[in-house]
PDB file of N, CA and C in Angstrom:
ATOM      1  N   UNK A   1      91.741-182.528  84.823  1.00  0.00           N
ATOM      2  CA  UNK A   1      90.320-182.138  84.692  1.00  0.00           C
ATOM      3  C   UNK A   1      89.366-183.070  85.453  1.00  0.00           C
ATOM      4  N   UNK A   2      89.864-184.199  85.920  1.00  0.00           N
ATOM      5  CA  UNK A   2      88.959-185.166  86.610  1.00  0.00           C
ATOM      6  C   UNK A   2      89.164-185.167  88.112  1.00  0.00           C
ATOM      7  N   UNK A   3      90.041-184.316  88.630  1.00  0.00           N
ATOM      8  CA  UNK A   3      90.268-184.283  90.066  1.00  0.00           C
ATOM      9  C   UNK A   3      89.437-183.294  90.803  1.00  0.00           C
ATOM     10  N   UNK A   4      88.711-183.834  91.824  1.00  0.00           N
ATOM     11  CA  UNK A   4      87.975-182.991  92.699  1.00  0.00           C
ATOM     12  C   UNK A   4      88.804-182.557  93.890  1.00  0.00           C
ATOM     13  N   UNK A   5      89.752-183.370  94.271  1.00  0.00           N
ATOM     14  CA  UNK A   5      90.653-183.093  95.389  1.00  0.00           C
ATOM     15  C   UNK A   5      92.056-183.302  94.957  1.00  0.00           C
ATOM     16  N   UNK A   6      92.915-182.338  95.161  1.00  0.00           N
ATOM     17  CA  UNK A   6      94.362-182.388  94.766  1.00  0.00           C
ATOM     18  C   UNK A   6      95.200-182.208  96.020  1.00  0.00           C
ATOM     19  N   UNK A   7      96.067-183.254  96.250  1.00  0.00           N
ATOM     20  CA  UNK A   7      97.069-183.140  97.299  1.00  0.00           C
ATOM     21  C   UNK A   7      98.451-183.042  96.697  1.00  0.00           C
ATOM     22  N   UNK A   8      99.310-182.209  97.293  1.00  0.00           N
ATOM     23  CA  UNK A   8     100.726-182.206  96.939  1.00  0.00           C
ATOM     24  C   UNK A   8     101.546-181.553  98.002  1.00  0.00           C
ATOM     25  N   UNK A   9     102.845-181.768  97.986  1.00  0.00           N
ATOM     26  CA  UNK A   9     103.749-181.035  98.849  1.00  0.00           C
ATOM     27  C   UNK A   9     104.102-179.722  98.193  1.00  0.00           C
ATOM     28  N   UNK A  10     104.812-178.839  98.931  1.00  0.00           N
ATOM     29  CA  UNK A  10     105.146-177.537  98.418  1.00  0.00           C
ATOM     30  C   UNK A  10     106.065-177.596  97.186  1.00  0.00           C
ATOM     31  N   UNK A  11     106.983-178.546  97.140  1.00  0.00           N
ATOM     32  CA  UNK A  11     107.895-178.639  95.968  1.00  0.00           C
ATOM     33  C   UNK A  11     107.150-179.029  94.739  1.00  0.00           C
ATOM     34  N   UNK A  12     106.229-180.026  94.888  1.00  0.00           N
ATOM     35  CA  UNK A  12     105.401-180.482  93.726  1.00  0.00           C
ATOM     36  C   UNK A  12     104.510-179.333  93.263  1.00  0.00           C
ATOM     37  N   UNK A  13     103.939-178.540  94.217  1.00  0.00           N
ATOM     38  CA  UNK A  13     103.059-177.404  93.847  1.00  0.00           C
ATOM     39  C   UNK A  13     103.802-176.373  93.056  1.00  0.00           C
ATOM     40  N   UNK A  14     105.047-176.029  93.526  1.00  0.00           N
ATOM     41  CA  UNK A  14     105.843-175.017  92.771  1.00  0.00           C
ATOM     42  C   UNK A  14     106.292-175.559  91.396  1.00  0.00           C
ATOM     43  N   UNK A  15     106.583-176.802  91.268  1.00  0.00           N
ATOM     44  CA  UNK A  15     106.954-177.444  90.018  1.00  0.00           C
ATOM     45  C   UNK A  15     105.765-177.357  89.069  1.00  0.00           C
ATOM     46  N   UNK A  16     104.562-177.655  89.545  1.00  0.00           N
ATOM     47  CA  UNK A  16     103.344-177.545  88.756  1.00  0.00           C
ATOM     48  C   UNK A  16     103.139-176.113  88.285  1.00  0.00           C
ATOM     49  N   UNK A  17     103.313-175.164  89.170  1.00  0.00           N
ATOM     50  CA  UNK A  17     103.180-173.750  88.823  1.00  0.00           C
ATOM     51  C   UNK A  17     104.126-173.417  87.716  1.00  0.00           C
ATOM     52  N   UNK A  18     105.385-173.784  87.833  1.00  0.00           N
ATOM     53  CA  UNK A  18     106.378-173.499  86.840  1.00  0.00           C
ATOM     54  C   UNK A  18     105.983-174.094  85.505  1.00  0.00           C
ATOM     55  N   UNK A  19     105.600-175.368  85.523  1.00  0.00           N
ATOM     56  CA  UNK A  19     105.309-176.101  84.277  1.00  0.00           C
ATOM     57  C   UNK A  19     104.051-175.594  83.549  1.00  0.00           C
ATOM     58  N   UNK A  20     103.103-175.106  84.353  1.00  0.00           N
ATOM     59  CA  UNK A  20     101.834-174.600  83.791  1.00  0.00           C
ATOM     60  C   UNK A  20     101.779-173.081  83.548  1.00  0.00           C
ATOM     61  N   UNK A  21     102.945-172.434  83.870  1.00  0.00           N
ATOM     62  CA  UNK A  21     103.045-171.006  83.564  1.00  0.00           C
ATOM     63  C   UNK A  21     102.292-170.111  84.497  1.00  0.00           C
ATOM     64  N   UNK A  22     102.150-170.508  85.762  1.00  0.00           N
ATOM     65  CA  UNK A  22     101.401-169.691  86.708  1.00  0.00           C
ATOM     66  C   UNK A  22     102.171-168.446  87.101  1.00  0.00           C
ATOM     67  N   UNK A  23     103.503-168.452  86.961  1.00  0.00           N
ATOM     68  CA  UNK A  23     104.329-167.278  87.239  1.00  0.00           C
ATOM     69  C   UNK A  23     104.241-166.868  88.697  1.00  0.00           C
ATOM     70  N   UNK A  24     104.241-167.823  89.629  1.00  0.00           N
ATOM     71  CA  UNK A  24     104.217-167.500  91.007  1.00  0.00           C
ATOM     72  C   UNK A  24     104.835-168.682  91.821  1.00  0.00           C
ATOM     73  N   UNK A  25     105.416-168.352  92.935  1.00  0.00           N
ATOM     74  CA  UNK A  25     105.816-169.387  93.828  1.00  0.00           C
ATOM     75  C   UNK A  25     105.010-169.360  95.171  1.00  0.00           C
ATOM     76  N   UNK A  26     104.064-168.409  95.201  1.00  0.00           N
ATOM     77  CA  UNK A  26     103.184-168.301  96.394  1.00  0.00           C
ATOM     78  C   UNK A  26     102.224-169.460  96.394  1.00  0.00           C
ATOM     79  N   UNK A  27     102.228-170.213  97.469  1.00  0.00           N
ATOM     80  CA  UNK A  27     101.392-171.457  97.471  1.00  0.00           C
ATOM     81  C   UNK A  27      99.932-171.148  97.507  1.00  0.00           C
ATOM     82  N   UNK A  28      99.512-170.086  98.144  1.00  0.00           N
ATOM     83  CA  UNK A  28      98.041-169.723  98.135  1.00  0.00           C
ATOM     84  C   UNK A  28      97.637-169.383  96.675  1.00  0.00           C
ATOM     85  N   UNK A  29      98.439-168.590  95.960  1.00  0.00           N
ATOM     86  CA  UNK A  29      98.136-168.280  94.589  1.00  0.00           C
ATOM     87  C   UNK A  29      98.123-169.497  93.679  1.00  0.00           C
ATOM     88  N   UNK A  30      99.074-170.402  93.889  1.00  0.00           N
ATOM     89  CA  UNK A  30      99.156-171.620  93.120  1.00  0.00           C
ATOM     90  C   UNK A  30      97.921-172.453  93.335  1.00  0.00           C
ATOM     91  N   UNK A  31      97.512-172.573  94.625  1.00  0.00           N
ATOM     92  CA  UNK A  31      96.301-173.364  94.933  1.00  0.00           C
ATOM     93  C   UNK A  31      95.094-172.798  94.298  1.00  0.00           C
ATOM     94  N   UNK A  32      94.973-171.444  94.297  1.00  0.00           N
ATOM     95  CA  UNK A  32      93.852-170.791  93.696  1.00  0.00           C
ATOM     96  C   UNK A  32      93.774-171.037  92.165  1.00  0.00           C
ATOM     97  N   UNK A  33      94.926-170.868  91.477  1.00  0.00           N
ATOM     98  CA  UNK A  33      95.045-171.103  90.090  1.00  0.00           C
ATOM     99  C   UNK A  33      94.765-172.526  89.665  1.00  0.00           C
ATOM    100  N   UNK A  34      95.250-173.421  90.467  1.00  0.00           N
ATOM    101  CA  UNK A  34      95.011-174.893  90.170  1.00  0.00           C
ATOM    102  C   UNK A  34      93.542-175.202  90.369  1.00  0.00           C
ATOM    103  N   UNK A  35      92.946-174.642  91.419  1.00  0.00           N
ATOM    104  CA  UNK A  35      91.502-174.846  91.619  1.00  0.00           C
ATOM    105  C   UNK A  35      90.614-174.321  90.510  1.00  0.00           C
ATOM    106  N   UNK A  36      91.082-173.266  89.861  1.00  0.00           N
ATOM    107  CA  UNK A  36      90.347-172.632  88.785  1.00  0.00           C
ATOM    108  C   UNK A  36      90.502-173.284  87.418  1.00  0.00           C
ATOM    109  N   UNK A  37      91.404-174.255  87.359  1.00  0.00           N
ATOM    110  CA  UNK A  37      91.623-174.945  86.062  1.00  0.00           C
ATOM    111  C   UNK A  37      90.299-175.693  85.642  1.00  0.00           C
ATOM    112  N   UNK A  38      90.111-175.891  84.308  1.00  0.00           N
ATOM    113  CA  UNK A  38      88.928-176.608  83.877  1.00  0.00           C
ATOM    114  C   UNK A  38      88.809-177.982  84.577  1.00  0.00           C
ATOM    115  N   UNK A  39      87.514-178.289  84.780  1.00  0.00           N
ATOM    116  CA  UNK A  39      87.155-179.523  85.524  1.00  0.00           C
ATOM    117  C   UNK A  39      85.913-180.116  84.921  1.00  0.00           C
ATOM    118  N   UNK A  40      85.932-181.402  84.745  1.00  0.00           N
ATOM    119  CA  UNK A  40      84.752-182.019  84.140  1.00  0.00           C
ATOM    120  C   UNK A  40      83.497-182.021  84.961  1.00  0.00           C
ATOM    121  N   UNK A  41      83.708-182.323  86.269  1.00  0.00           N
ATOM    122  CA  UNK A  41      82.549-182.312  87.192  1.00  0.00           C
ATOM    123  C   UNK A  41      82.384-180.930  87.781  1.00  0.00           C
ATOM    124  N   UNK A  42      81.276-180.263  87.266  1.00  0.00           N
ATOM    125  CA  UNK A  42      81.077-178.922  87.723  1.00  0.00           C
ATOM    126  C   UNK A  42      80.056-178.884  88.861  1.00  0.00           C
ATOM    127  N   UNK A  43      79.778-180.019  89.460  1.00  0.00           N
ATOM    128  CA  UNK A  43      78.790-180.017  90.592  1.00  0.00           C
ATOM    129  C   UNK A  43      79.412-179.576  91.920  1.00  0.00           C
ATOM    130  N   UNK A  44      80.715-179.651  92.001  1.00  0.00           N
ATOM    131  CA  UNK A  44      81.384-179.195  93.213  1.00  0.00           C
ATOM    132  C   UNK A  44      82.784-178.528  92.802  1.00  0.00           C
ATOM    133  N   UNK A  45      83.186-177.616  93.681  1.00  0.00           N
ATOM    134  CA  UNK A  45      84.484-176.968  93.384  1.00  0.00           C
ATOM    135  C   UNK A  45      85.579-177.909  93.754  1.00  0.00           C
ATOM    136  N   UNK A  46      86.768-177.611  93.093  1.00  0.00           N
ATOM    137  CA  UNK A  46      87.941-178.375  93.395  1.00  0.00           C
ATOM    138  C   UNK A  46      88.540-177.969  94.747  1.00  0.00           C
ATOM    139  N   UNK A  47      89.018-178.880  95.495  1.00  0.00           N
ATOM    140  CA  UNK A  47      89.670-178.690  96.776  1.00  0.00           C
ATOM    141  C   UNK A  47      91.177-178.958  96.597  1.00  0.00           C
ATOM    142  N   UNK A  48      91.979-177.977  96.997  1.00  0.00           N
ATOM    143  CA  UNK A  48      93.425-178.098  96.793  1.00  0.00           C
ATOM    144  C   UNK A  48      94.151-178.029  98.115  1.00  0.00           C
ATOM    145  N   UNK A  49      94.980-179.012  98.386  1.00  0.00           N
ATOM    146  CA  UNK A  49      95.724-179.088  99.722  1.00  0.00           C
ATOM    147  C   UNK A  49      97.213-179.220  99.457  1.00  0.00           C
ATOM    148  N   UNK A  50      97.991-178.340 100.027  1.00  0.00           N
ATOM    149  CA  UNK A  50      99.436-178.404  99.870  1.00  0.00           C
ATOM    150  C   UNK A  50      99.983-178.612 101.310  1.00  0.00           C
ATOM    151  N   UNK A  51     100.839-179.580 101.520  1.00  0.00           N
ATOM    152  CA  UNK A  51     101.512-179.805 102.756  1.00  0.00           C
ATOM    153  C   UNK A  51     102.942-179.244 102.641  1.00  0.00           C
ATOM    154  N   UNK A  52     103.533-178.859 103.758  1.00  0.00           N
ATOM    155  CA  UNK A  52     104.805-178.265 103.826  1.00  0.00           C
ATOM    156  C   UNK A  52     105.662-178.843 104.940  1.00  0.00           C
ATOM    157  N   UNK A  53     105.602-180.086 105.194  1.00  0.00           N
ATOM    158  CA  UNK A  53     106.386-180.688 106.290  1.00  0.00           C
ATOM    159  C   UNK A  53     105.984-180.046 107.675  1.00  0.00           C
ATOM    160  N   UNK A  54     106.888-179.353 108.274  1.00  0.00           N
ATOM    161  CA  UNK A  54     106.572-178.694 109.542  1.00  0.00           C
ATOM    162  C   UNK A  54     105.892-177.374 109.355  1.00  0.00           C
ATOM    163  N   UNK A  55     105.751-176.901 108.116  1.00  0.00           N
ATOM    164  CA  UNK A  55     105.042-175.638 107.860  1.00  0.00           C
ATOM    165  C   UNK A  55     103.593-175.879 107.793  1.00  0.00           C
ATOM    166  N   UNK A  56     102.800-174.813 107.755  1.00  0.00           N
ATOM    167  CA  UNK A  56     101.359-174.924 107.710  1.00  0.00           C
ATOM    168  C   UNK A  56     100.819-175.586 106.421  1.00  0.00           C
ATOM    169  N   UNK A  57      99.710-176.351 106.498  1.00  0.00           N
ATOM    170  CA  UNK A  57      99.079-176.831 105.288  1.00  0.00           C
ATOM    171  C   UNK A  57      98.295-175.697 104.715  1.00  0.00           C
ATOM    172  N   UNK A  58      98.379-175.621 103.377  1.00  0.00           N
ATOM    173  CA  UNK A  58      97.663-174.549 102.611  1.00  0.00           C
ATOM    174  C   UNK A  58      96.484-175.249 101.992  1.00  0.00           C
ATOM    175  N   UNK A  59      95.276-174.694 102.216  1.00  0.00           N
ATOM    176  CA  UNK A  59      94.066-175.262 101.641  1.00  0.00           C
ATOM    177  C   UNK A  59      93.296-174.232 100.901  1.00  0.00           C
ATOM    178  N   UNK A  60      92.896-174.506  99.668  1.00  0.00           N
ATOM    179  CA  UNK A  60      92.058-173.641  98.884  1.00  0.00           C
ATOM    180  C   UNK A  60      90.738-174.322  98.626  1.00  0.00           C
ATOM    181  N   UNK A  61      89.638-173.715  99.041  1.00  0.00           N
ATOM    182  CA  UNK A  61      88.319-174.339  98.868  1.00  0.00           C
ATOM    183  C   UNK A  61      87.256-173.254  98.871  1.00  0.00           C
ATOM    184  N   UNK A  62      86.353-173.333  97.950  1.00  0.00           N
ATOM    185  CA  UNK A  62      85.232-172.445  97.793  1.00  0.00           C
ATOM    186  C   UNK A  62      85.703-170.977  97.881  1.00  0.00           C
ATOM    187  N   UNK A  63      86.705-170.666  97.095  1.00  0.00           N
ATOM    188  CA  UNK A  63      87.123-169.276  96.936  1.00  0.00           C
ATOM    189  C   UNK A  63      88.076-168.652  97.935  1.00  0.00           C
ATOM    190  N   UNK A  64      88.505-169.486  98.967  1.00  0.00           N
ATOM    191  CA  UNK A  64      89.402-168.898  99.908  1.00  0.00           C
ATOM    192  C   UNK A  64      90.543-169.787 100.284  1.00  0.00           C
ATOM    193  N   UNK A  65      91.645-169.134 100.623  1.00  0.00           N
ATOM    194  CA  UNK A  65      92.872-169.886 101.121  1.00  0.00           C
ATOM    195  C   UNK A  65      92.861-169.878 102.559  1.00  0.00           C
ATOM    196  N   UNK A  66      93.121-171.042 103.177  1.00  0.00           N
ATOM    197  CA  UNK A  66      93.255-171.166 104.620  1.00  0.00           C
ATOM    198  C   UNK A  66      94.594-171.872 104.924  1.00  0.00           C
ATOM    199  N   UNK A  67      95.202-171.434 106.057  1.00  0.00           N
ATOM    200  CA  UNK A  67      96.411-172.071 106.516  1.00  0.00           C
ATOM    201  C   UNK A  67      96.099-172.836 107.843  1.00  0.00           C
ATOM    202  N   UNK A  68      96.651-174.003 107.958  1.00  0.00           N
ATOM    203  CA  UNK A  68      96.425-174.853 109.176  1.00  0.00           C
ATOM    204  C   UNK A  68      97.803-175.172 109.711  1.00  0.00           C
ATOM    205  N   UNK A  69      98.138-174.635 110.907  1.00  0.00           N
ATOM    206  CA  UNK A  69      99.459-174.870 111.453  1.00  0.00           C
ATOM    207  C   UNK A  69      99.648-176.364 111.856  1.00  0.00           C
ATOM    208  N   UNK A  70     100.864-176.780 111.813  1.00  0.00           N
ATOM    209  CA  UNK A  70     101.234-178.186 112.174  1.00  0.00           C
ATOM    210  C   UNK A  70     101.738-178.138 113.582  1.00  0.00           C
ATOM    211  N   UNK A  71     101.246-179.104 114.371  1.00  0.00           N
ATOM    212  CA  UNK A  71     101.749-179.264 115.726  1.00  0.00           C
ATOM    213  C   UNK A  71     103.222-179.674 115.665  1.00  0.00           C
ATOM    214  N   UNK A  72     104.075-179.054 116.415  1.00  0.00           N
ATOM    215  CA  UNK A  72     105.511-179.431 116.401  1.00  0.00           C
ATOM    216  C   UNK A  72     105.770-180.818 116.901  1.00  0.00           C
ATOM    217  N   UNK A  73     106.769-181.499 116.308  1.00  0.00           N
ATOM    218  CA  UNK A  73     107.265-182.713 116.792  1.00  0.00           C
ATOM    219  C   UNK A  73     108.748-182.555 117.114  1.00  0.00           C
ATOM    220  N   UNK A  74     109.120-182.954 118.290  1.00  0.00           N
ATOM    221  CA  UNK A  74     110.526-182.857 118.693  1.00  0.00           C
ATOM    222  C   UNK A  74     111.425-183.538 117.656  1.00  0.00           C
ATOM    223  N   UNK A  75     112.504-182.872 117.216  1.00  0.00           N
ATOM    224  CA  UNK A  75     113.394-183.476 116.209  1.00  0.00           C
ATOM    225  C   UNK A  75     113.872-184.857 116.590  1.00  0.00           C
ATOM    226  N   UNK A  76     114.078-185.161 117.877  1.00  0.00           N
ATOM    227  CA  UNK A  76     114.566-186.473 118.231  1.00  0.00           C
ATOM    228  C   UNK A  76     113.455-187.569 118.082  1.00  0.00           C
ATOM    229  N   UNK A  77     112.227-187.137 117.883  1.00  0.00           N
ATOM    230  CA  UNK A  77     111.141-188.074 117.651  1.00  0.00           C
ATOM    231  C   UNK A  77     110.870-188.376 116.167  1.00  0.00           C
ATOM    232  N   UNK A  78     111.456-187.612 115.308  1.00  0.00           N
ATOM    233  CA  UNK A  78     111.309-187.835 113.873  1.00  0.00           C
ATOM    234  C   UNK A  78     112.237-188.944 113.446  1.00  0.00           C
ATOM    235  N   UNK A  79     111.615-190.041 112.952  1.00  0.00           N
ATOM    236  CA  UNK A  79     112.413-191.243 112.560  1.00  0.00           C
ATOM    237  C   UNK A  79     112.583-191.327 111.052  1.00  0.00           C
ATOM    238  N   UNK A  80     111.498-191.103 110.315  1.00  0.00           N
ATOM    239  CA  UNK A  80     111.470-191.375 108.880  1.00  0.00           C
ATOM    240  C   UNK A  80     110.226-190.586 108.323  1.00  0.00           C
ATOM    241  N   UNK A  81     110.535-189.729 107.376  1.00  0.00           N
ATOM    242  CA  UNK A  81     109.463-188.938 106.775  1.00  0.00           C
ATOM    243  C   UNK A  81     108.783-189.582 105.565  1.00  0.00           C
ATOM    244  N   UNK A  82     109.327-190.689 105.152  1.00  0.00           N
ATOM    245  CA  UNK A  82     108.732-191.418 103.964  1.00  0.00           C
ATOM    246  C   UNK A  82     107.311-191.795 104.329  1.00  0.00           C
ATOM    247  N   UNK A  83     106.366-191.474 103.459  1.00  0.00           N
ATOM    248  CA  UNK A  83     105.029-191.848 103.634  1.00  0.00           C
ATOM    249  C   UNK A  83     104.162-190.804 104.422  1.00  0.00           C
ATOM    250  N   UNK A  84     104.771-189.763 104.825  1.00  0.00           N
ATOM    251  CA  UNK A  84     103.977-188.753 105.561  1.00  0.00           C
ATOM    252  C   UNK A  84     102.918-188.098 104.756  1.00  0.00           C
ATOM    253  N   UNK A  85     103.222-187.808 103.474  1.00  0.00           N
ATOM    254  CA  UNK A  85     102.238-187.176 102.656  1.00  0.00           C
ATOM    255  C   UNK A  85     101.075-188.108 102.332  1.00  0.00           C
ATOM    256  N   UNK A  86     101.412-189.405 102.038  1.00  0.00           N
ATOM    257  CA  UNK A  86     100.363-190.353 101.854  1.00  0.00           C
ATOM    258  C   UNK A  86      99.495-190.521 103.068  1.00  0.00           C
ATOM    259  N   UNK A  87     100.182-190.578 104.248  1.00  0.00           N
ATOM    260  CA  UNK A  87      99.414-190.744 105.504  1.00  0.00           C
ATOM    261  C   UNK A  87      98.486-189.501 105.720  1.00  0.00           C
ATOM    262  N   UNK A  88      98.965-188.335 105.363  1.00  0.00           N
ATOM    263  CA  UNK A  88      98.167-187.146 105.488  1.00  0.00           C
ATOM    264  C   UNK A  88      96.905-187.268 104.569  1.00  0.00           C
ATOM    265  N   UNK A  89      97.142-187.681 103.340  1.00  0.00           N
ATOM    266  CA  UNK A  89      95.995-187.846 102.432  1.00  0.00           C
ATOM    267  C   UNK A  89      95.005-188.885 102.912  1.00  0.00           C
ATOM    268  N   UNK A  90      95.498-189.991 103.441  1.00  0.00           N
ATOM    269  CA  UNK A  90      94.601-190.998 103.991  1.00  0.00           C
ATOM    270  C   UNK A  90      93.805-190.551 105.170  1.00  0.00           C
ATOM    271  N   UNK A  91      94.478-189.874 106.073  1.00  0.00           N
ATOM    272  CA  UNK A  91      93.817-189.355 107.264  1.00  0.00           C
ATOM    273  C   UNK A  91      92.704-188.322 106.930  1.00  0.00           C
ATOM    274  N   UNK A  92      93.132-187.410 106.001  1.00  0.00           N
ATOM    275  CA  UNK A  92      92.191-186.382 105.538  1.00  0.00           C
ATOM    276  C   UNK A  92      90.922-187.088 104.828  1.00  0.00           C
ATOM    277  N   UNK A  93      91.197-187.975 103.918  1.00  0.00           N
ATOM    278  CA  UNK A  93      90.080-188.564 103.159  1.00  0.00           C
ATOM    279  C   UNK A  93      89.219-189.419 104.065  1.00  0.00           C
ATOM    280  N   UNK A  94      89.782-190.050 105.083  1.00  0.00           N
ATOM    281  CA  UNK A  94      88.929-190.833 106.012  1.00  0.00           C
ATOM    282  C   UNK A  94      87.886-189.961 106.702  1.00  0.00           C
ATOM    283  N   UNK A  95      88.295-188.739 107.040  1.00  0.00           N
ATOM    284  CA  UNK A  95      87.325-187.837 107.747  1.00  0.00           C
ATOM    285  C   UNK A  95      86.401-187.198 106.635  1.00  0.00           C
ATOM    286  N   UNK A  96      86.962-186.937 105.465  1.00  0.00           N
ATOM    287  CA  UNK A  96      86.156-186.296 104.395  1.00  0.00           C
ATOM    288  C   UNK A  96      85.023-187.168 103.974  1.00  0.00           C
ATOM    289  N   UNK A  97      85.324-188.488 103.818  1.00  0.00           N
ATOM    290  CA  UNK A  97      84.337-189.437 103.371  1.00  0.00           C
ATOM    291  C   UNK A  97      83.202-189.606 104.414  1.00  0.00           C
ATOM    292  N   UNK A  98      83.529-189.199 105.644  1.00  0.00           N
ATOM    293  CA  UNK A  98      82.483-189.249 106.725  1.00  0.00           C
ATOM    294  C   UNK A  98      81.718-187.955 106.828  1.00  0.00           C
ATOM    295  N   UNK A  99      81.997-187.046 105.955  1.00  0.00           N
ATOM    296  CA  UNK A  99      81.278-185.753 105.955  1.00  0.00           C
ATOM    297  C   UNK A  99      81.772-184.765 107.000  1.00  0.00           C
ATOM    298  N   UNK A 100      82.924-184.933 107.512  1.00  0.00           N
ATOM    299  CA  UNK A 100      83.457-184.039 108.636  1.00  0.00           C
ATOM    300  C   UNK A 100      83.756-182.650 108.020  1.00  0.00           C
ATOM    301  N   UNK A 101      83.841-181.681 108.875  1.00  0.00           N
ATOM    302  CA  UNK A 101      84.215-180.297 108.493  1.00  0.00           C
ATOM    303  C   UNK A 101      85.670-180.311 107.965  1.00  0.00           C
ATOM    304  N   UNK A 102      85.985-179.360 107.147  1.00  0.00           N
ATOM    305  CA  UNK A 102      87.255-179.287 106.477  1.00  0.00           C
ATOM    306  C   UNK A 102      88.401-179.169 107.538  1.00  0.00           C
ATOM    307  N   UNK A 103      88.256-178.390 108.612  1.00  0.00           N
ATOM    308  CA  UNK A 103      89.272-178.323 109.569  1.00  0.00           C
ATOM    309  C   UNK A 103      89.526-179.681 110.311  1.00  0.00           C
ATOM    310  N   UNK A 104      88.448-180.469 110.526  1.00  0.00           N
ATOM    311  CA  UNK A 104      88.681-181.770 111.085  1.00  0.00           C
ATOM    312  C   UNK A 104      89.374-182.686 110.135  1.00  0.00           C
ATOM    313  N   UNK A 105      89.083-182.568 108.871  1.00  0.00           N
ATOM    314  CA  UNK A 105      89.742-183.454 107.856  1.00  0.00           C
ATOM    315  C   UNK A 105      91.181-183.148 107.876  1.00  0.00           C
ATOM    316  N   UNK A 106      91.577-181.861 107.851  1.00  0.00           N
ATOM    317  CA  UNK A 106      92.970-181.454 107.850  1.00  0.00           C
ATOM    318  C   UNK A 106      93.625-181.958 109.113  1.00  0.00           C
ATOM    319  N   UNK A 107      92.980-181.793 110.268  1.00  0.00           N
ATOM    320  CA  UNK A 107      93.499-182.336 111.552  1.00  0.00           C
ATOM    321  C   UNK A 107      93.713-183.796 111.551  1.00  0.00           C
ATOM    322  N   UNK A 108      92.861-184.615 110.999  1.00  0.00           N
ATOM    323  CA  UNK A 108      93.018-186.039 110.912  1.00  0.00           C
ATOM    324  C   UNK A 108      94.216-186.357 109.960  1.00  0.00           C
ATOM    325  N   UNK A 109      94.370-185.623 108.921  1.00  0.00           N
ATOM    326  CA  UNK A 109      95.540-185.810 108.030  1.00  0.00           C
ATOM    327  C   UNK A 109      96.827-185.558 108.777  1.00  0.00           C
ATOM    328  N   UNK A 110      96.836-184.479 109.561  1.00  0.00           N
ATOM    329  CA  UNK A 110      98.042-184.129 110.281  1.00  0.00           C
ATOM    330  C   UNK A 110      98.306-185.200 111.365  1.00  0.00           C
ATOM    331  N   UNK A 111      97.263-185.722 111.991  1.00  0.00           N
ATOM    332  CA  UNK A 111      97.480-186.769 113.017  1.00  0.00           C
ATOM    333  C   UNK A 111      98.150-187.937 112.386  1.00  0.00           C
ATOM    334  N   UNK A 112      97.642-188.401 111.256  1.00  0.00           N
ATOM    335  CA  UNK A 112      98.182-189.550 110.611  1.00  0.00           C
ATOM    336  C   UNK A 112      99.660-189.263 110.141  1.00  0.00           C
ATOM    337  N   UNK A 113      99.909-188.160 109.613  1.00  0.00           N
ATOM    338  CA  UNK A 113     101.282-187.858 109.131  1.00  0.00           C
ATOM    339  C   UNK A 113     102.258-187.788 110.409  1.00  0.00           C
ATOM    340  N   UNK A 114     101.753-187.218 111.487  1.00  0.00           N
ATOM    341  CA  UNK A 114     102.598-187.120 112.715  1.00  0.00           C
ATOM    342  C   UNK A 114     102.900-188.523 113.208  1.00  0.00           C
ATOM    343  N   UNK A 115     101.954-189.398 113.183  1.00  0.00           N
ATOM    344  CA  UNK A 115     102.209-190.778 113.615  1.00  0.00           C
ATOM    345  C   UNK A 115     103.206-191.477 112.712  1.00  0.00           C
ATOM    346  N   UNK A 116     103.053-191.239 111.416  1.00  0.00           N
ATOM    347  CA  UNK A 116     103.890-191.927 110.402  1.00  0.00           C
ATOM    348  C   UNK A 116     105.395-191.488 110.544  1.00  0.00           C
ATOM    349  N   UNK A 117     105.671-190.191 110.809  1.00  0.00           N
ATOM    350  CA  UNK A 117     107.038-189.770 110.815  1.00  0.00           C
ATOM    351  C   UNK A 117     107.806-190.172 112.131  1.00  0.00           C
ATOM    352  N   UNK A 118     107.114-190.759 113.042  1.00  0.00           N
ATOM    353  CA  UNK A 118     107.651-191.176 114.266  1.00  0.00           C
ATOM    354  C   UNK A 118     107.990-192.717 114.307  1.00  0.00           C
ATOM    355  N   UNK A 119     107.812-193.363 113.146  1.00  0.00           N
ATOM    356  CA  UNK A 119     108.155-194.789 113.033  1.00  0.00           C
ATOM    357  C   UNK A 119     109.019-194.966 111.789  1.00  0.00           C
ATOM    358  N   UNK A 120     109.715-196.115 111.765  1.00  0.00           N
ATOM    359  CA  UNK A 120     110.531-196.461 110.617  1.00  0.00           C
ATOM    360  C   UNK A 120     109.641-197.087 109.546  1.00  0.00           C
ATOM    361  N   UNK A 121     109.808-196.565 108.322  1.00  0.00           N
ATOM    362  CA  UNK A 121     109.021-197.150 107.227  1.00  0.00           C
ATOM    363  C   UNK A 121     107.595-196.786 107.281  1.00  0.00           C
ATOM    364  N   UNK A 122     106.804-197.402 106.439  1.00  0.00           N
ATOM    365  CA  UNK A 122     105.393-197.114 106.397  1.00  0.00           C
ATOM    366  C   UNK A 122     104.609-198.124 107.237  1.00  0.00           C
ATOM    367  N   UNK A 123     104.908-198.093 108.490  1.00  0.00           N
ATOM    368  CA  UNK A 123     104.212-198.916 109.443  1.00  0.00           C
ATOM    369  C   UNK A 123     103.464-198.135 110.523  1.00  0.00           C
ATOM    370  N   UNK A 124     102.505-198.677 111.069  1.00  0.00           N
ATOM    371  CA  UNK A 124     101.740-197.982 112.105  1.00  0.00           C
ATOM    372  C   UNK A 124     102.059-198.574 113.423  1.00  0.00           C
ATOM    373  N   UNK A 125     102.207-197.725 114.460  1.00  0.00           N
ATOM    374  CA  UNK A 125     102.464-198.276 115.801  1.00  0.00           C
ATOM    375  C   UNK A 125     101.249-199.057 116.312  1.00  0.00           C
ATOM    376  N   UNK A 126     101.546-199.910 117.282  1.00  0.00           N
ATOM    377  CA  UNK A 126     100.415-200.631 117.960  1.00  0.00           C
ATOM    378  C   UNK A 126      99.467-199.592 118.626  1.00  0.00           C
ATOM    379  N   UNK A 127      98.206-199.829 118.526  1.00  0.00           N
ATOM    380  CA  UNK A 127      97.231-198.915 119.133  1.00  0.00           C
ATOM    381  C   UNK A 127      96.560-199.630 120.294  1.00  0.00           C
ATOM    382  N   UNK A 128      96.292-198.881 121.302  1.00  0.00           N
ATOM    383  CA  UNK A 128      95.560-199.467 122.427  1.00  0.00           C
ATOM    384  C   UNK A 128      94.035-199.248 122.343  1.00  0.00           C
TER     385      UNK A 128
END
């Protein structure tokens, strides 16, 4: 009830759906139902974001579901997927806190996750 923004991957979203009796595995429907759950802060609607690895991110906000495709990464460049979801959330929130448009926030999240999966462990590559 205290979350304005909810991030999860597709497996976590489906487990939540099962545990809360949503009776669906469709990520858009799960996002919509999760967003509609009671919330203490009624000044803004809940924003729900589900990541799916190489599949599109599912975003539910202000009454609609949107899908954002992920730019492909060559399999030989994928080193370690640990931390990708956290990197996505960090990239998203960095843009969100700056008041950027939702599509830019998702894009920044995807950039951060893409960077993370191409290195070993939760480290960032040197930047120029």
